[in-house]
């Protein structure tokens, strides 16, 4: 049976249902920092990566209300009928820059490691990406490492574990990151517990998507553990609209020239051409 921890401004679950919904807007807040006093060697901490730890630097993608934020996803959907799009999609993934949602994440994760907790990232890569990119798992691992983000990199002495498969697509554990593949977050995390035989007394899950937290809470009800779901909304600080001229130049250059321009590069081109 699930037990529940109460922490101010954090999503709270009681009696198998959500009794209160709050939020944390920064890992530097006192409420978020209280995790350090809760975590111990019997705690498993999972942090969703996209829009929590990292996001693309380009404003067309990192503003939550941007009408352009699904540009690459739309290209991926069109690629099967427009094969010429595969090359610019690959170029974008290889060349685009990422940044931390909050610069203090590496320091905070290191503090969590001192509690002897197991800390993992969770990545929900669009399954279509696997048709386009080679080894997207290793690329994401190396990108995070370059920003100072490193998780508990092995379980039961293994750096790579096949967690589940469906029609040739896999959910994996790789170098501290749980890759959901074609599976839902709740499915892959319960499979992770089953395959690794880990038996934590507490699970702390951090995600900007409240629905993911609710679904995971539901699927963990059969486990004898304490669950804490944190609705982390630091990404809300990125509330600026992208410049339409810059976005249009970035999109055109990527598709027609197979070249990705970051915001400052696109802005410099526009100034030069005026």
Protein backbone atom coordinates (compact mmCIF):
# COMPACT_ATOMS: atom_id res chain seq x y z
CA UNK A 1 0.00 0.00 0.00
CA UNK A 2 1.28 3.47 -0.87
CA UNK A 3 2.14 5.82 1.95
CA UNK A 4 2.41 9.57 1.38
CA UNK A 5 4.82 12.30 2.34
CA UNK A 6 3.58 15.82 2.84
CA UNK A 7 5.84 18.63 1.69
CA UNK A 8 4.68 22.20 1.24
CA UNK A 9 4.11 23.40 -2.36
CA UNK A 10 4.57 19.86 -3.61
CA UNK A 11 1.90 17.61 -5.06
CA UNK A 12 0.44 15.61 -2.19
CA UNK A 13 -1.36 12.28 -2.51
CA UNK A 14 -3.63 10.88 0.18
CA UNK A 15 -5.63 7.63 0.36
CA UNK A 16 -4.75 6.70 -3.24
CA UNK A 17 -6.08 9.99 -4.65
CA UNK A 18 -4.81 13.51 -5.07
CA UNK A 19 -5.89 15.52 -2.05
CA UNK A 20 -3.96 18.66 -2.83
CA UNK A 21 -2.09 20.01 -5.85
CA UNK A 22 0.66 22.55 -5.34
CA UNK A 23 3.85 23.32 -7.20
CA UNK A 24 7.53 24.17 -6.86
CA UNK A 25 8.94 26.81 -9.18
CA UNK A 26 12.63 26.45 -8.28
CA UNK A 27 15.01 23.87 -6.87
CA UNK A 28 16.43 26.70 -4.78
CA UNK A 29 13.17 27.09 -2.86
CA UNK A 30 13.13 25.98 0.77
CA UNK A 31 10.41 23.46 0.04
CA UNK A 32 12.36 21.76 -2.74
CA UNK A 33 15.52 21.73 -0.64
CA UNK A 34 13.64 19.79 2.05
CA UNK A 35 14.06 16.74 -0.17
CA UNK A 36 17.60 16.58 1.17
CA UNK A 37 16.24 15.80 4.64
CA UNK A 38 13.84 13.14 3.29
CA UNK A 39 16.18 11.26 0.95
CA UNK A 40 18.30 8.39 2.25
CA UNK A 41 19.82 5.10 1.11
CA UNK A 42 16.35 3.58 0.73
CA UNK A 43 15.16 6.36 -1.61
CA UNK A 44 14.89 6.21 -5.39
CA UNK A 45 14.74 9.64 -7.06
CA UNK A 46 13.69 10.03 -10.69
CA UNK A 47 13.84 13.36 -12.52
CA UNK A 48 12.15 13.82 -15.91
CA UNK A 49 14.77 15.35 -18.21
CA UNK A 50 12.99 17.37 -20.89
CA UNK A 51 11.54 20.67 -19.65
CA UNK A 52 12.82 19.87 -16.16
CA UNK A 53 16.58 19.54 -16.32
CA UNK A 54 17.20 20.79 -19.84
CA UNK A 55 15.58 22.46 -22.81
CA UNK A 56 16.76 23.75 -26.22
CA UNK A 57 18.38 27.18 -26.18
CA UNK A 58 16.39 28.47 -29.13
CA UNK A 59 13.41 30.48 -27.93
CA UNK A 60 11.06 28.92 -30.46
CA UNK A 61 11.29 25.70 -28.42
CA UNK A 62 11.78 26.85 -24.85
CA UNK A 63 8.79 29.15 -24.49
CA UNK A 64 5.88 26.98 -23.35
CA UNK A 65 3.30 29.01 -25.26
CA UNK A 66 5.35 29.25 -28.46
CA UNK A 67 3.32 28.45 -31.59
CA UNK A 68 6.55 27.08 -33.10
CA UNK A 69 7.61 24.68 -30.32
CA UNK A 70 6.46 21.56 -32.23
CA UNK A 71 8.37 22.46 -35.40
CA UNK A 72 10.76 19.49 -35.23
CA UNK A 73 8.02 17.09 -34.13
CA UNK A 74 5.97 18.18 -37.15
CA UNK A 75 8.94 17.55 -39.45
CA UNK A 76 9.36 14.07 -37.99
CA UNK A 77 5.72 13.30 -38.70
CA UNK A 78 6.07 14.52 -42.30
CA UNK A 79 9.38 12.75 -42.99
CA UNK A 80 7.98 9.34 -44.06
CA UNK A 81 6.19 11.01 -46.99
CA UNK A 82 8.91 13.64 -47.48
CA UNK A 83 12.24 11.77 -47.11
CA UNK A 84 14.30 14.91 -47.81
CA UNK A 85 13.36 16.05 -44.28
CA UNK A 86 15.38 13.30 -42.60
CA UNK A 87 18.66 15.11 -43.17
CA UNK A 88 17.66 18.48 -41.63
CA UNK A 89 16.04 16.67 -38.69
CA UNK A 90 19.30 14.83 -38.04
CA UNK A 91 21.23 18.10 -38.41
CA UNK A 92 19.02 19.79 -35.83
CA UNK A 93 19.49 17.04 -33.26
CA UNK A 94 23.24 16.99 -33.83
CA UNK A 95 23.81 20.76 -33.87
CA UNK A 96 21.19 22.35 -31.66
CA UNK A 97 22.35 23.62 -28.28
CA UNK A 98 20.70 22.84 -24.96
CA UNK A 99 20.77 24.56 -21.60
CA UNK A 100 19.87 23.83 -18.00
CA UNK A 101 16.43 24.96 -16.87
CA UNK A 102 18.18 26.06 -13.64
CA UNK A 103 21.95 26.36 -13.39
CA UNK A 104 22.02 24.94 -9.87
CA UNK A 105 20.85 21.45 -10.93
CA UNK A 106 24.35 19.84 -10.98
CA UNK A 107 25.11 21.11 -7.47
CA UNK A 108 21.74 19.96 -6.16
CA UNK A 109 22.11 16.48 -7.66
CA UNK A 110 25.53 16.16 -6.07
CA UNK A 111 24.01 17.04 -2.70
CA UNK A 112 21.36 14.37 -3.24
CA UNK A 113 24.08 11.81 -3.98
CA UNK A 114 25.57 12.54 -0.55
CA UNK A 115 22.34 11.17 0.99
CA UNK A 116 23.20 7.79 -0.66
CA UNK A 117 19.96 7.89 -2.63
CA UNK A 118 19.79 6.35 -6.09
CA UNK A 119 19.15 9.16 -8.59
CA UNK A 120 18.07 8.57 -12.18
CA UNK A 121 16.98 10.66 -15.13
CA UNK A 122 13.97 9.79 -17.25
CA UNK A 123 13.81 10.53 -20.96
CA UNK A 124 10.72 10.30 -23.16
CA UNK A 125 12.23 10.49 -26.65
CA UNK A 126 9.67 10.47 -29.46
CA UNK A 127 9.72 6.86 -30.75
CA UNK A 128 10.03 8.16 -34.33
CA UNK A 129 13.48 9.52 -33.47
CA UNK A 130 14.82 5.98 -33.42
CA UNK A 131 14.09 5.74 -37.14
CA UNK A 132 16.25 8.81 -37.78
CA UNK A 133 19.09 8.97 -35.24
CA UNK A 134 21.76 6.46 -34.39
CA UNK A 135 22.21 5.87 -30.63
CA UNK A 136 20.05 8.77 -29.35
CA UNK A 137 20.54 7.41 -25.82
CA UNK A 138 24.29 7.94 -25.88
CA UNK A 139 23.86 11.40 -27.39
CA UNK A 140 21.52 12.47 -24.59
CA UNK A 141 23.82 11.00 -21.95
CA UNK A 142 26.80 12.92 -23.33
CA UNK A 143 24.83 16.17 -23.63
CA UNK A 144 23.78 15.96 -19.99
CA UNK A 145 27.30 15.07 -18.91
CA UNK A 146 28.65 18.14 -20.72
CA UNK A 147 26.34 20.27 -18.55
CA UNK A 148 27.51 18.61 -15.34
CA UNK A 149 24.49 16.31 -14.98
CA UNK A 150 25.36 12.77 -13.93
CA UNK A 151 23.08 10.25 -12.27
CA UNK A 152 23.61 6.93 -10.50
CA UNK A 153 25.15 5.33 -13.57
CA UNK A 154 24.64 1.66 -12.84
CA UNK A 155 22.17 -0.75 -11.27
CA UNK A 156 23.21 -4.19 -10.02
CA UNK A 157 26.60 -3.52 -11.58
CA UNK A 158 25.18 -2.85 -15.07
CA UNK A 159 25.33 0.35 -17.12
CA UNK A 160 22.90 -0.95 -19.76
CA UNK A 161 19.70 -2.89 -19.10
CA UNK A 162 16.91 -3.77 -21.53
CA UNK A 163 13.73 -3.04 -19.59
CA UNK A 164 10.93 -3.79 -22.08
CA UNK A 165 10.30 -4.11 -25.81
CA UNK A 166 7.39 -3.66 -28.19
CA UNK A 167 7.56 -4.31 -31.95
CA UNK A 168 11.33 -3.97 -31.98
CA UNK A 169 11.43 -0.77 -29.91
CA UNK A 170 12.94 -0.87 -26.47
CA UNK A 171 12.79 0.86 -23.13
CA UNK A 172 16.31 0.98 -21.71
CA UNK A 173 18.37 1.88 -18.70
CA UNK A 174 21.61 3.46 -19.91
CA UNK A 175 24.26 5.26 -17.83
CA UNK A 176 21.79 6.45 -15.19
CA UNK A 177 19.00 7.40 -17.59
CA UNK A 178 15.75 5.46 -17.99
CA UNK A 179 14.65 5.75 -21.62
CA UNK A 180 10.92 5.13 -21.94
CA UNK A 181 11.02 4.29 -25.66
CA UNK A 182 7.48 3.48 -26.86
CA UNK A 183 6.18 3.06 -23.29
CA UNK A 184 4.42 5.45 -20.93
CA UNK A 185 6.43 6.85 -18.05
CA UNK A 186 4.41 4.90 -15.48
CA UNK A 187 4.87 1.65 -17.45
CA UNK A 188 8.62 2.01 -17.90
CA UNK A 189 9.22 2.94 -14.25
CA UNK A 190 7.25 -0.02 -12.94
CA UNK A 191 9.17 -2.23 -15.41
CA UNK A 192 12.41 -0.69 -14.14
CA UNK A 193 11.53 -1.74 -10.59
CA UNK A 194 10.53 -5.22 -11.72
CA UNK A 195 13.56 -5.93 -13.92
CA UNK A 196 16.17 -4.49 -11.54
CA UNK A 197 14.44 -5.94 -8.44
CA UNK A 198 15.10 -2.68 -6.63
CA UNK A 199 12.93 -2.34 -3.52
CA UNK A 200 13.06 1.30 -2.39
CA UNK A 201 11.05 2.39 0.62
CA UNK A 202 10.55 5.83 -0.91
CA UNK A 203 10.22 7.10 -4.48
CA UNK A 204 10.52 10.79 -5.31
CA UNK A 205 9.45 11.73 -8.84
CA UNK A 206 10.03 15.20 -10.34
CA UNK A 207 8.15 16.32 -13.45
CA UNK A 208 6.62 19.48 -14.91
CA UNK A 209 3.79 17.33 -16.29
CA UNK A 210 1.22 16.73 -13.57
CA UNK A 211 -0.53 13.97 -15.53
CA UNK A 212 2.67 11.92 -15.49
CA UNK A 213 2.79 12.25 -11.71
CA UNK A 214 -0.84 11.16 -11.35
CA UNK A 215 -0.38 8.14 -13.60
CA UNK A 216 2.76 7.02 -11.82
CA UNK A 217 1.08 7.37 -8.43
CA UNK A 218 -1.78 5.17 -9.67
CA UNK A 219 0.55 2.44 -10.98
CA UNK A 220 2.61 2.38 -7.77
CA UNK A 221 -0.36 1.73 -5.48
CA UNK A 222 0.38 -1.98 -5.39
CA UNK A 223 3.93 -1.34 -4.10
CA UNK A 224 4.72 -1.09 -0.40
CA UNK A 225 6.50 2.25 -0.48
CA UNK A 226 6.18 5.97 0.18
CA UNK A 227 5.62 8.15 -2.89
CA UNK A 228 6.33 11.85 -3.31
CA UNK A 229 5.42 13.52 -6.59
CA UNK A 230 6.88 16.96 -7.27
CA UNK A 231 5.19 19.16 -9.85
CA UNK A 232 8.26 21.21 -10.83
CA UNK A 233 7.41 24.32 -12.84
CA UNK A 234 10.68 26.23 -13.21
CA UNK A 235 10.16 26.23 -16.97
CA UNK A 236 7.38 28.78 -16.44
CA UNK A 237 10.10 31.42 -16.06
CA UNK A 238 10.65 31.23 -19.83
CA UNK A 239 7.72 33.46 -20.65
CA UNK A 240 9.06 35.46 -23.58
CA UNK A 241 7.72 35.18 -27.11
CA UNK A 242 10.22 34.19 -29.82
CA UNK A 243 10.95 36.68 -32.58
CA UNK A 244 8.96 35.68 -35.67
CA UNK A 245 11.64 36.83 -38.14
CA UNK A 246 14.31 34.81 -36.34
CA UNK A 247 12.13 31.72 -36.23
CA UNK A 248 11.25 31.90 -39.91
CA UNK A 249 14.92 32.27 -40.86
CA UNK A 250 15.89 29.33 -38.64
CA UNK A 251 13.22 27.11 -40.15
CA UNK A 252 14.01 28.10 -43.75
CA UNK A 253 17.77 27.69 -43.31
CA UNK A 254 17.39 24.29 -41.70
CA UNK A 255 15.14 22.88 -44.43
CA UNK A 256 16.72 24.48 -47.51
CA UNK A 257 20.39 24.60 -46.48
CA UNK A 258 20.54 21.79 -43.92
CA UNK A 259 22.03 24.21 -41.42
CA UNK A 260 20.83 25.05 -37.91
CA UNK A 261 21.17 28.63 -36.64
CA UNK A 262 20.86 29.43 -32.95
CA UNK A 263 19.01 32.64 -32.04
CA UNK A 264 22.13 34.83 -31.91
CA UNK A 265 23.38 33.48 -35.25
CA UNK A 266 20.02 34.05 -36.94
CA UNK A 267 19.81 37.55 -35.46
CA UNK A 268 23.29 38.37 -36.82
CA UNK A 269 22.25 37.21 -40.32
CA UNK A 270 19.14 39.38 -40.19
CA UNK A 271 21.15 42.43 -39.13
CA UNK A 272 23.67 41.83 -41.90
CA UNK A 273 20.95 41.59 -44.55
CA UNK A 274 19.18 44.79 -43.51
